[in-house]
Amino acid sequence: AALGTLADSAGSTARQSLVPAAADSVAFARERANALFTSAEHVGYL
């Protein structure tokens, strides 16, 4: 469990750091991009 969580932290940070570049590449507002990213997280939990 510790090993799995250790790797997951790096993955989560990496995906969050990709959001602004992914949004800017299509002139998509960062506020909306982060809202979409966060909505997907809530879907994952639900």
All heavy atoms as atom14 arrays in JSON, in Angstrom:
{
  "sequence": "AALGTLADSAGSTARQSLVPAAADSVAFARERANALFTSAEHVGYL",
  "atom14_mask": [
    [1, 1, 1, 1, 1, 0, 0, 0, 0, 0, 0, 0, 0, 0],
    [1, 1, 1, 1, 1, 0, 0, 0, 0, 0, 0, 0, 0, 0],
    [1, 1, 1, 1, 1, 1, 1, 1, 0, 0, 0, 0, 0, 0],
    [1, 1, 1, 1, 0, 0, 0, 0, 0, 0, 0, 0, 0, 0],
    [1, 1, 1, 1, 1, 1, 1, 0, 0, 0, 0, 0, 0, 0],
    [1, 1, 1, 1, 1, 1, 1, 1, 0, 0, 0, 0, 0, 0],
    [1, 1, 1, 1, 1, 0, 0, 0, 0, 0, 0, 0, 0, 0],
    [1, 1, 1, 1, 1, 1, 1, 1, 0, 0, 0, 0, 0, 0],
    [1, 1, 1, 1, 1, 1, 0, 0, 0, 0, 0, 0, 0, 0],
    [1, 1, 1, 1, 1, 0, 0, 0, 0, 0, 0, 0, 0, 0],
    [1, 1, 1, 1, 0, 0, 0, 0, 0, 0, 0, 0, 0, 0],
    [1, 1, 1, 1, 1, 1, 0, 0, 0, 0, 0, 0, 0, 0],
    [1, 1, 1, 1, 1, 1, 1, 0, 0, 0, 0, 0, 0, 0],
    [1, 1, 1, 1, 1, 0, 0, 0, 0, 0, 0, 0, 0, 0],
    [1, 1, 1, 1, 1, 1, 1, 1, 1, 1, 1, 0, 0, 0],
    [1, 1, 1, 1, 1, 1, 1, 1, 1, 0, 0, 0, 0, 0],
    [1, 1, 1, 1, 1, 1, 0, 0, 0, 0, 0, 0, 0, 0],
    [1, 1, 1, 1, 1, 1, 1, 1, 0, 0, 0, 0, 0, 0],
    [1, 1, 1, 1, 1, 1, 1, 0, 0, 0, 0, 0, 0, 0],
    [1, 1, 1, 1, 1, 1, 1, 0, 0, 0, 0, 0, 0, 0],
    [1, 1, 1, 1, 1, 0, 0, 0, 0, 0, 0, 0, 0, 0],
    [1, 1, 1, 1, 1, 0, 0, 0, 0, 0, 0, 0, 0, 0],
    [1, 1, 1, 1, 1, 0, 0, 0, 0, 0, 0, 0, 0, 0],
    [1, 1, 1, 1, 1, 1, 1, 1, 0, 0, 0, 0, 0, 0],
    [1, 1, 1, 1, 1, 1, 0, 0, 0, 0, 0, 0, 0, 0],
    [1, 1, 1, 1, 1, 1, 1, 0, 0, 0, 0, 0, 0, 0],
    [1, 1, 1, 1, 1, 0, 0, 0, 0, 0, 0, 0, 0, 0],
    [1, 1, 1, 1, 1, 1, 1, 1, 1, 1, 1, 0, 0, 0],
    [1, 1, 1, 1, 1, 0, 0, 0, 0, 0, 0, 0, 0, 0],
    [1, 1, 1, 1, 1, 1, 1, 1, 1, 1, 1, 0, 0, 0],
    [1, 1, 1, 1, 1, 1, 1, 1, 1, 0, 0, 0, 0, 0],
    [1, 1, 1, 1, 1, 1, 1, 1, 1, 1, 1, 0, 0, 0],
    [1, 1, 1, 1, 1, 0, 0, 0, 0, 0, 0, 0, 0, 0],
    [1, 1, 1, 1, 1, 1, 1, 1, 0, 0, 0, 0, 0, 0],
    [1, 1, 1, 1, 1, 0, 0, 0, 0, 0, 0, 0, 0, 0],
    [1, 1, 1, 1, 1, 1, 1, 1, 0, 0, 0, 0, 0, 0],
    [1, 1, 1, 1, 1, 1, 1, 1, 1, 1, 1, 0, 0, 0],
    [1, 1, 1, 1, 1, 1, 1, 0, 0, 0, 0, 0, 0, 0],
    [1, 1, 1, 1, 1, 1, 0, 0, 0, 0, 0, 0, 0, 0],
    [1, 1, 1, 1, 1, 0, 0, 0, 0, 0, 0, 0, 0, 0],
    [1, 1, 1, 1, 1, 1, 1, 1, 1, 0, 0, 0, 0, 0],
    [1, 1, 1, 1, 1, 1, 1, 1, 1, 1, 0, 0, 0, 0],
    [1, 1, 1, 1, 1, 1, 1, 0, 0, 0, 0, 0, 0, 0],
    [1, 1, 1, 1, 0, 0, 0, 0, 0, 0, 0, 0, 0, 0],
    [1, 1, 1, 1, 1, 1, 1, 1, 1, 1, 1, 1, 0, 0],
    [1, 1, 1, 1, 1, 1, 1, 1, 0, 0, 0, 0, 0, 0]
  ],
  "atom14_positions": [
    [[0.84, -1.21, 0.0], [0.0, 0.0, 0.0], [0.87, 1.25, 0.0], [0.58, 2.23, -0.7], [-0.92, 0.0, 1.21], [0.0, 0.0, 0.0], [0.0, 0.0, 0.0], [0.0, 0.0, 0.0], [0.0, 0.0, 0.0], [0.0, 0.0, 0.0], [0.0, 0.0, 0.0], [0.0, 0.0, 0.0], [0.0, 0.0, 0.0], [0.0, 0.0, 0.0]],
    [[1.95, 1.23, 0.77], [2.86, 2.38, 0.81], [3.54, 2.59, -0.53], [3.66, 3.72, -1.02], [3.91, 2.18, 1.9], [0.0, 0.0, 0.0], [0.0, 0.0, 0.0], [0.0, 0.0, 0.0], [0.0, 0.0, 0.0], [0.0, 0.0, 0.0], [0.0, 0.0, 0.0], [0.0, 0.0, 0.0], [0.0, 0.0, 0.0], [0.0, 0.0, 0.0]],
    [[3.96, 1.51, -1.18], [4.62, 1.64, -2.48], [3.65, 2.18, -3.53], [4.01, 3.05, -4.35], [5.17, 0.28, -2.93], [6.37, -0.26, -2.16], [6.73, -1.66, -2.62], [7.56, 0.67, -2.31], [0.0, 0.0, 0.0], [0.0, 0.0, 0.0], [0.0, 0.0, 0.0], [0.0, 0.0, 0.0], [0.0, 0.0, 0.0], [0.0, 0.0, 0.0]],
    [[2.43, 1.7, -3.53], [1.44, 2.18, -4.5], [1.12, 3.65, -4.31], [1.01, 4.4, -5.29], [0.0, 0.0, 0.0], [0.0, 0.0, 0.0], [0.0, 0.0, 0.0], [0.0, 0.0, 0.0], [0.0, 0.0, 0.0], [0.0, 0.0, 0.0], [0.0, 0.0, 0.0], [0.0, 0.0, 0.0], [0.0, 0.0, 0.0], [0.0, 0.0, 0.0]],
    [[0.98, 4.08, -3.07], [0.67, 5.48, -2.79], [1.84, 6.38, -3.11], [1.66, 7.52, -3.56], [0.27, 5.65, -1.31], [-0.75, 4.7, -1.0], [-0.25, 7.04, -1.04], [0.0, 0.0, 0.0], [0.0, 0.0, 0.0], [0.0, 0.0, 0.0], [0.0, 0.0, 0.0], [0.0, 0.0, 0.0], [0.0, 0.0, 0.0], [0.0, 0.0, 0.0]],
    [[3.06, 5.89, -2.91], [4.26, 6.67, -3.21], [4.31, 7.03, -4.69], [4.55, 8.18, -5.06], [5.5, 5.87, -2.81], [6.86, 6.52, -3.07], [7.05, 7.71, -2.16], [7.97, 5.5, -2.85], [0.0, 0.0, 0.0], [0.0, 0.0, 0.0], [0.0, 0.0, 0.0], [0.0, 0.0, 0.0], [0.0, 0.0, 0.0], [0.0, 0.0, 0.0]],
    [[4.04, 6.05, -5.54], [4.06, 6.31, -6.98], [2.89, 7.19, -7.4], [3.03, 8.04, -8.29], [4.03, 4.98, -7.74], [0.0, 0.0, 0.0], [0.0, 0.0, 0.0], [0.0, 0.0, 0.0], [0.0, 0.0, 0.0], [0.0, 0.0, 0.0], [0.0, 0.0, 0.0], [0.0, 0.0, 0.0], [0.0, 0.0, 0.0], [0.0, 0.0, 0.0]],
    [[1.75, 7.02, -6.76], [0.56, 7.76, -7.16], [0.72, 9.26, -6.97], [0.19, 10.05, -7.76], [-0.64, 7.27, -6.35], [-1.9, 8.04, -6.66], [-2.39, 7.93, -7.8], [-2.4, 8.76, -5.78], [0.0, 0.0, 0.0], [0.0, 0.0, 0.0], [0.0, 0.0, 0.0], [0.0, 0.0, 0.0], [0.0, 0.0, 0.0], [0.0, 0.0, 0.0]],
    [[1.44, 9.68, -5.95], [1.65, 11.11, -5.71], [2.35, 11.77, -6.89], [1.99, 12.87, -7.31], [2.46, 11.32, -4.43], [1.76, 10.85, -3.3], [0.0, 0.0, 0.0], [0.0, 0.0, 0.0], [0.0, 0.0, 0.0], [0.0, 0.0, 0.0], [0.0, 0.0, 0.0], [0.0, 0.0, 0.0], [0.0, 0.0, 0.0], [0.0, 0.0, 0.0]],
    [[3.36, 11.09, -7.43], [4.07, 11.63, -8.58], [3.16, 11.71, -9.8], [3.19, 12.69, -10.56], [5.3, 10.78, -8.89], [0.0, 0.0, 0.0], [0.0, 0.0, 0.0], [0.0, 0.0, 0.0], [0.0, 0.0, 0.0], [0.0, 0.0, 0.0], [0.0, 0.0, 0.0], [0.0, 0.0, 0.0], [0.0, 0.0, 0.0], [0.0, 0.0, 0.0]],
    [[2.33, 10.69, -10.0], [1.41, 10.69, -11.14], [0.4, 11.81, -11.05], [0.1, 12.48, -12.05], [0.0, 0.0, 0.0], [0.0, 0.0, 0.0], [0.0, 0.0, 0.0], [0.0, 0.0, 0.0], [0.0, 0.0, 0.0], [0.0, 0.0, 0.0], [0.0, 0.0, 0.0], [0.0, 0.0, 0.0], [0.0, 0.0, 0.0], [0.0, 0.0, 0.0]],
    [[-0.16, 12.02, -9.88], [-1.15, 13.08, -9.7], [-0.53, 14.46, -9.96], [-1.12, 15.31, -10.63], [-1.71, 13.02, -8.27], [-2.61, 14.07, -8.05], [0.0, 0.0, 0.0], [0.0, 0.0, 0.0], [0.0, 0.0, 0.0], [0.0, 0.0, 0.0], [0.0, 0.0, 0.0], [0.0, 0.0, 0.0], [0.0, 0.0, 0.0], [0.0, 0.0, 0.0]],
    [[0.68, 14.67, -9.43], [1.37, 15.94, -9.66], [1.65, 16.15, -11.14], [1.47, 17.26, -11.67], [2.68, 15.97, -8.87], [2.39, 15.9, -7.47], [3.47, 17.24, -9.15], [0.0, 0.0, 0.0], [0.0, 0.0, 0.0], [0.0, 0.0, 0.0], [0.0, 0.0, 0.0], [0.0, 0.0, 0.0], [0.0, 0.0, 0.0], [0.0, 0.0, 0.0]],
    [[2.07, 15.11, -11.82], [2.37, 15.22, -13.25], [1.13, 15.6, -14.05], [1.18, 16.47, -14.93], [2.94, 13.9, -13.76], [0.0, 0.0, 0.0], [0.0, 0.0, 0.0], [0.0, 0.0, 0.0], [0.0, 0.0, 0.0], [0.0, 0.0, 0.0], [0.0, 0.0, 0.0], [0.0, 0.0, 0.0], [0.0, 0.0, 0.0], [0.0, 0.0, 0.0]],
    [[0.0, 14.95, -13.78], [-1.22, 15.26, -14.53], [-1.69, 16.68, -14.25], [-2.15, 17.38, -15.17], [-2.31, 14.24, -14.2], [-2.05, 12.87, -14.81], [-3.23, 11.93, -14.64], [-3.42, 11.54, -13.26], [-2.82, 10.51, -12.67], [-1.95, 9.78, -13.36], [-3.06, 10.2, -11.41], [0.0, 0.0, 0.0], [0.0, 0.0, 0.0], [0.0, 0.0, 0.0]],
    [[-1.6, 17.13, -13.0], [-1.99, 18.51, -12.7], [-1.11, 19.51, -13.43], [-1.58, 20.56, -13.89], [-1.92, 18.75, -11.19], [-3.01, 18.05, -10.4], [-2.93, 18.39, -8.92], [-2.96, 19.55, -8.54], [-2.83, 17.38, -8.08], [0.0, 0.0, 0.0], [0.0, 0.0, 0.0], [0.0, 0.0, 0.0], [0.0, 0.0, 0.0], [0.0, 0.0, 0.0]],
    [[0.18, 19.21, -13.54], [1.1, 20.15, -14.2], [0.89, 20.19, -15.71], [1.34, 21.14, -16.37], [2.55, 19.77, -13.88], [2.9, 18.55, -14.51], [0.0, 0.0, 0.0], [0.0, 0.0, 0.0], [0.0, 0.0, 0.0], [0.0, 0.0, 0.0], [0.0, 0.0, 0.0], [0.0, 0.0, 0.0], [0.0, 0.0, 0.0], [0.0, 0.0, 0.0]],
    [[0.21, 19.19, -16.28], [-0.07, 19.18, -17.71], [-1.31, 19.98, -18.08], [-1.5, 20.34, -19.25], [-0.25, 17.73, -18.19], [1.01, 16.89, -18.36], [0.64, 15.43, -18.54], [1.83, 17.38, -19.54], [0.0, 0.0, 0.0], [0.0, 0.0, 0.0], [0.0, 0.0, 0.0], [0.0, 0.0, 0.0], [0.0, 0.0, 0.0], [0.0, 0.0, 0.0]],
    [[-2.17, 20.26, -17.11], [-3.44, 20.91, -17.41], [-3.27, 22.27, -18.08], [-3.92, 22.54, -19.1], [-4.31, 21.03, -16.13], [-5.53, 21.91, -16.38], [-4.75, 19.65, -15.67], [0.0, 0.0, 0.0], [0.0, 0.0, 0.0], [0.0, 0.0, 0.0], [0.0, 0.0, 0.0], [0.0, 0.0, 0.0], [0.0, 0.0, 0.0], [0.0, 0.0, 0.0]],
    [[-2.43, 23.19, -17.56], [-2.35, 24.5, -18.21], [-1.87, 24.43, -19.65], [-2.38, 25.14, -20.52], [-1.38, 25.29, -17.33], [-0.65, 24.27, -16.53], [-1.6, 23.14, -16.34], [0.0, 0.0, 0.0], [0.0, 0.0, 0.0], [0.0, 0.0, 0.0], [0.0, 0.0, 0.0], [0.0, 0.0, 0.0], [0.0, 0.0, 0.0], [0.0, 0.0, 0.0]],
    [[-0.88, 23.58, -19.96], [-0.39, 23.46, -21.33], [-1.46, 22.85, -22.23], [-1.62, 23.27, -23.39], [0.88, 22.61, -21.37], [0.0, 0.0, 0.0], [0.0, 0.0, 0.0], [0.0, 0.0, 0.0], [0.0, 0.0, 0.0], [0.0, 0.0, 0.0], [0.0, 0.0, 0.0], [0.0, 0.0, 0.0], [0.0, 0.0, 0.0], [0.0, 0.0, 0.0]],
    [[-2.2, 21.86, -21.72], [-3.26, 21.26, -22.52], [-4.37, 22.27, -22.81], [-4.94, 22.28, -23.91], [-3.84, 20.05, -21.78], [0.0, 0.0, 0.0], [0.0, 0.0, 0.0], [0.0, 0.0, 0.0], [0.0, 0.0, 0.0], [0.0, 0.0, 0.0], [0.0, 0.0, 0.0], [0.0, 0.0, 0.0], [0.0, 0.0, 0.0], [0.0, 0.0, 0.0]],
    [[-4.66, 23.13, -21.85], [-5.69, 24.15, -22.06], [-5.2, 25.23, -23.01], [-5.91, 25.64, -23.94], [-6.09, 24.77, -20.72], [0.0, 0.0, 0.0], [0.0, 0.0, 0.0], [0.0, 0.0, 0.0], [0.0, 0.0, 0.0], [0.0, 0.0, 0.0], [0.0, 0.0, 0.0], [0.0, 0.0, 0.0], [0.0, 0.0, 0.0], [0.0, 0.0, 0.0]],
    [[-3.98, 25.7, -22.83], [-3.45, 26.76, -23.67], [-3.3, 26.32, -25.13], [-3.41, 27.13, -26.05], [-2.08, 27.23, -23.15], [-2.18, 27.95, -21.81], [-3.3, 28.26, -21.39], [-1.13, 28.19, -21.19], [0.0, 0.0, 0.0], [0.0, 0.0, 0.0], [0.0, 0.0, 0.0], [0.0, 0.0, 0.0], [0.0, 0.0, 0.0], [0.0, 0.0, 0.0]],
    [[-3.07, 25.02, -25.35], [-2.86, 24.54, -26.71], [-4.11, 24.68, -27.58], [-4.01, 24.66, -28.8], [-2.42, 23.07, -26.69], [-3.48, 22.23, -26.26], [0.0, 0.0, 0.0], [0.0, 0.0, 0.0], [0.0, 0.0, 0.0], [0.0, 0.0, 0.0], [0.0, 0.0, 0.0], [0.0, 0.0, 0.0], [0.0, 0.0, 0.0], [0.0, 0.0, 0.0]],
    [[-5.26, 24.83, -26.94], [-6.51, 25.0, -27.69], [-7.22, 26.29, -27.28], [-8.41, 26.45, -27.51], [-7.45, 23.79, -27.48], [-6.88, 22.55, -28.15], [-7.69, 23.52, -26.0], [0.0, 0.0, 0.0], [0.0, 0.0, 0.0], [0.0, 0.0, 0.0], [0.0, 0.0, 0.0], [0.0, 0.0, 0.0], [0.0, 0.0, 0.0], [0.0, 0.0, 0.0]],
    [[-6.48, 27.22, -26.68], [-7.05, 28.51, -26.24], [-8.28, 28.29, -25.35], [-9.29, 28.98, -25.48], [-7.41, 29.38, -27.44], [0.0, 0.0, 0.0], [0.0, 0.0, 0.0], [0.0, 0.0, 0.0], [0.0, 0.0, 0.0], [0.0, 0.0, 0.0], [0.0, 0.0, 0.0], [0.0, 0.0, 0.0], [0.0, 0.0, 0.0], [0.0, 0.0, 0.0]],
    [[-8.18, 27.32, -24.43], [-9.25, 26.98, -23.51], [-8.96, 27.64, -22.17], [-7.84, 27.56, -21.67], [-9.32, 25.46, -23.36], [-10.63, 24.93, -22.83], [-11.77, 24.95, -23.61], [-10.71, 24.41, -21.54], [-12.97, 24.44, -23.14], [-11.9, 23.9, -21.07], [-13.04, 23.92, -21.87], [0.0, 0.0, 0.0], [0.0, 0.0, 0.0], [0.0, 0.0, 0.0]],
    [[-9.93, 28.33, -21.6], [-9.7, 29.04, -20.34], [-9.2, 28.08, -19.26], [-9.76, 27.0, -19.08], [-10.98, 29.73, -19.88], [0.0, 0.0, 0.0], [0.0, 0.0, 0.0], [0.0, 0.0, 0.0], [0.0, 0.0, 0.0], [0.0, 0.0, 0.0], [0.0, 0.0, 0.0], [0.0, 0.0, 0.0], [0.0, 0.0, 0.0], [0.0, 0.0, 0.0]],
    [[-8.18, 28.5, -18.53], [-7.63, 27.61, -17.5], [-8.64, 27.36, -16.38], [-8.64, 26.28, -15.78], [-6.34, 28.22, -16.92], [-5.18, 28.17, -17.88], [-3.89, 28.62, -17.21], [-2.76, 28.55, -18.12], [-1.51, 28.85, -17.78], [-1.25, 29.21, -16.53], [-0.54, 28.76, -18.66], [0.0, 0.0, 0.0], [0.0, 0.0, 0.0], [0.0, 0.0, 0.0]],
    [[-9.47, 28.36, -16.09], [-10.5, 28.14, -15.06], [-11.4, 26.97, -15.45], [-11.72, 26.1, -14.62], [-11.35, 29.4, -14.87], [-10.61, 30.55, -14.17], [-9.84, 31.42, -15.14], [-9.75, 31.05, -16.33], [-9.31, 32.45, -14.7], [0.0, 0.0, 0.0], [0.0, 0.0, 0.0], [0.0, 0.0, 0.0], [0.0, 0.0, 0.0], [0.0, 0.0, 0.0]],
    [[-11.8, 26.94, -16.72], [-12.68, 25.85, -17.17], [-11.93, 24.53, -17.25], [-12.5, 23.47, -16.96], [-13.28, 26.21, -18.52], [-14.22, 27.41, -18.45], [-14.9, 27.69, -19.78], [-15.82, 28.81, -19.67], [-16.58, 29.26, -20.65], [-16.51, 28.69, -21.85], [-17.39, 30.29, -20.46], [0.0, 0.0, 0.0], [0.0, 0.0, 0.0], [0.0, 0.0, 0.0]],
    [[-10.67, 24.58, -17.65], [-9.88, 23.36, -17.71], [-9.71, 22.74, -16.33], [-9.86, 21.52, -16.15], [-8.51, 23.65, -18.33], [0.0, 0.0, 0.0], [0.0, 0.0, 0.0], [0.0, 0.0, 0.0], [0.0, 0.0, 0.0], [0.0, 0.0, 0.0], [0.0, 0.0, 0.0], [0.0, 0.0, 0.0], [0.0, 0.0, 0.0], [0.0, 0.0, 0.0]],
    [[-9.39, 23.56, -15.34], [-9.24, 23.05, -13.98], [-10.56, 22.57, -13.4], [-10.6, 21.6, -12.63], [-8.63, 24.13, -13.08], [-7.15, 24.33, -13.36], [-6.37, 23.38, -13.33], [-6.75, 25.56, -13.64], [0.0, 0.0, 0.0], [0.0, 0.0, 0.0], [0.0, 0.0, 0.0], [0.0, 0.0, 0.0], [0.0, 0.0, 0.0], [0.0, 0.0, 0.0]],
    [[-11.66, 23.24, -13.77], [-12.97, 22.79, -13.32], [-13.29, 21.42, -13.91], [-13.81, 20.54, -13.22], [-14.04, 23.8, -13.71], [0.0, 0.0, 0.0], [0.0, 0.0, 0.0], [0.0, 0.0, 0.0], [0.0, 0.0, 0.0], [0.0, 0.0, 0.0], [0.0, 0.0, 0.0], [0.0, 0.0, 0.0], [0.0, 0.0, 0.0], [0.0, 0.0, 0.0]],
    [[-12.98, 21.23, -15.19], [-13.21, 19.94, -15.84], [-12.36, 18.86, -15.2], [-12.83, 17.74, -14.93], [-12.9, 20.06, -17.33], [-13.14, 18.83, -18.2], [-14.61, 18.45, -18.19], [-12.67, 19.09, -19.63], [0.0, 0.0, 0.0], [0.0, 0.0, 0.0], [0.0, 0.0, 0.0], [0.0, 0.0, 0.0], [0.0, 0.0, 0.0], [0.0, 0.0, 0.0]],
    [[-11.1, 19.18, -14.94], [-10.18, 18.22, -14.32], [-10.68, 17.83, -12.93], [-10.68, 16.65, -12.56], [-8.8, 18.87, -14.22], [-7.69, 17.91, -13.86], [-7.13, 17.09, -14.82], [-7.19, 17.85, -12.58], [-6.1, 16.22, -14.51], [-6.16, 16.99, -12.24], [-5.61, 16.17, -13.22], [0.0, 0.0, 0.0], [0.0, 0.0, 0.0], [0.0, 0.0, 0.0]],
    [[-11.13, 18.81, -12.15], [-11.64, 18.54, -10.81], [-12.95, 17.77, -10.85], [-13.19, 16.88, -10.02], [-11.84, 19.86, -10.05], [-10.59, 20.57, -10.01], [-12.3, 19.61, -8.62], [0.0, 0.0, 0.0], [0.0, 0.0, 0.0], [0.0, 0.0, 0.0], [0.0, 0.0, 0.0], [0.0, 0.0, 0.0], [0.0, 0.0, 0.0], [0.0, 0.0, 0.0]],
    [[-13.83, 18.09, -11.81], [-15.09, 17.36, -11.94], [-14.83, 15.88, -12.19], [-15.52, 15.01, -11.64], [-15.92, 17.94, -13.09], [-16.3, 19.27, -12.83], [0.0, 0.0, 0.0], [0.0, 0.0, 0.0], [0.0, 0.0, 0.0], [0.0, 0.0, 0.0], [0.0, 0.0, 0.0], [0.0, 0.0, 0.0], [0.0, 0.0, 0.0], [0.0, 0.0, 0.0]],
    [[-13.83, 15.6, -13.02], [-13.49, 14.21, -13.28], [-13.02, 13.5, -12.01], [-13.28, 12.31, -11.81], [-12.4, 14.13, -14.36], [0.0, 0.0, 0.0], [0.0, 0.0, 0.0], [0.0, 0.0, 0.0], [0.0, 0.0, 0.0], [0.0, 0.0, 0.0], [0.0, 0.0, 0.0], [0.0, 0.0, 0.0], [0.0, 0.0, 0.0], [0.0, 0.0, 0.0]],
    [[-12.3, 14.24, -11.14], [-11.88, 13.65, -9.87], [-13.08, 13.28, -9.01], [-13.13, 12.21, -8.4], [-10.96, 14.62, -9.13], [-9.61, 14.83, -9.8], [-8.68, 15.69, -8.98], [-9.16, 16.34, -8.03], [-7.48, 15.71, -9.28], [0.0, 0.0, 0.0], [0.0, 0.0, 0.0], [0.0, 0.0, 0.0], [0.0, 0.0, 0.0], [0.0, 0.0, 0.0]],
    [[-14.07, 14.18, -8.96], [-15.27, 13.87, -8.18], [-16.02, 12.67, -8.77], [-16.56, 11.85, -8.03], [-16.18, 15.09, -8.13], [-15.69, 16.18, -7.22], [-15.69, 16.07, -5.85], [-15.16, 17.4, -7.49], [-15.19, 17.16, -5.31], [-14.86, 17.98, -6.28], [0.0, 0.0, 0.0], [0.0, 0.0, 0.0], [0.0, 0.0, 0.0], [0.0, 0.0, 0.0]],
    [[-16.06, 12.58, -10.1], [-16.66, 11.41, -10.72], [-15.92, 10.15, -10.31], [-16.52, 9.1, -10.02], [-16.68, 11.56, -12.26], [-17.08, 10.24, -12.93], [-17.64, 12.66, -12.67], [0.0, 0.0, 0.0], [0.0, 0.0, 0.0], [0.0, 0.0, 0.0], [0.0, 0.0, 0.0], [0.0, 0.0, 0.0], [0.0, 0.0, 0.0], [0.0, 0.0, 0.0]],
    [[-14.59, 10.24, -10.26], [-13.8, 9.09, -9.83], [-14.15, 8.64, -8.43], [-14.29, 7.44, -8.17], [0.0, 0.0, 0.0], [0.0, 0.0, 0.0], [0.0, 0.0, 0.0], [0.0, 0.0, 0.0], [0.0, 0.0, 0.0], [0.0, 0.0, 0.0], [0.0, 0.0, 0.0], [0.0, 0.0, 0.0], [0.0, 0.0, 0.0], [0.0, 0.0, 0.0]],
    [[-14.33, 9.6, -7.52], [-14.7, 9.24, -6.15], [-16.12, 8.68, -6.08], [-16.39, 7.69, -5.39], [-14.6, 10.48, -5.25], [-13.18, 10.93, -5.02], [-12.77, 12.22, -5.32], [-12.23, 10.05, -4.5], [-11.47, 12.64, -5.12], [-10.92, 10.46, -4.3], [-10.55, 11.75, -4.6], [-9.25, 12.15, -4.4], [0.0, 0.0, 0.0], [0.0, 0.0, 0.0]],
    [[-17.05, 9.31, -6.8], [-18.44, 8.87, -6.75], [-18.61, 7.49, -7.36], [-19.4, 6.67, -6.87], [-19.34, 9.88, -7.48], [-19.58, 11.21, -6.77], [-20.35, 12.17, -7.68], [-20.36, 10.99, -5.48], [0.0, 0.0, 0.0], [0.0, 0.0, 0.0], [0.0, 0.0, 0.0], [0.0, 0.0, 0.0], [0.0, 0.0, 0.0], [0.0, 0.0, 0.0]]
  ]
}
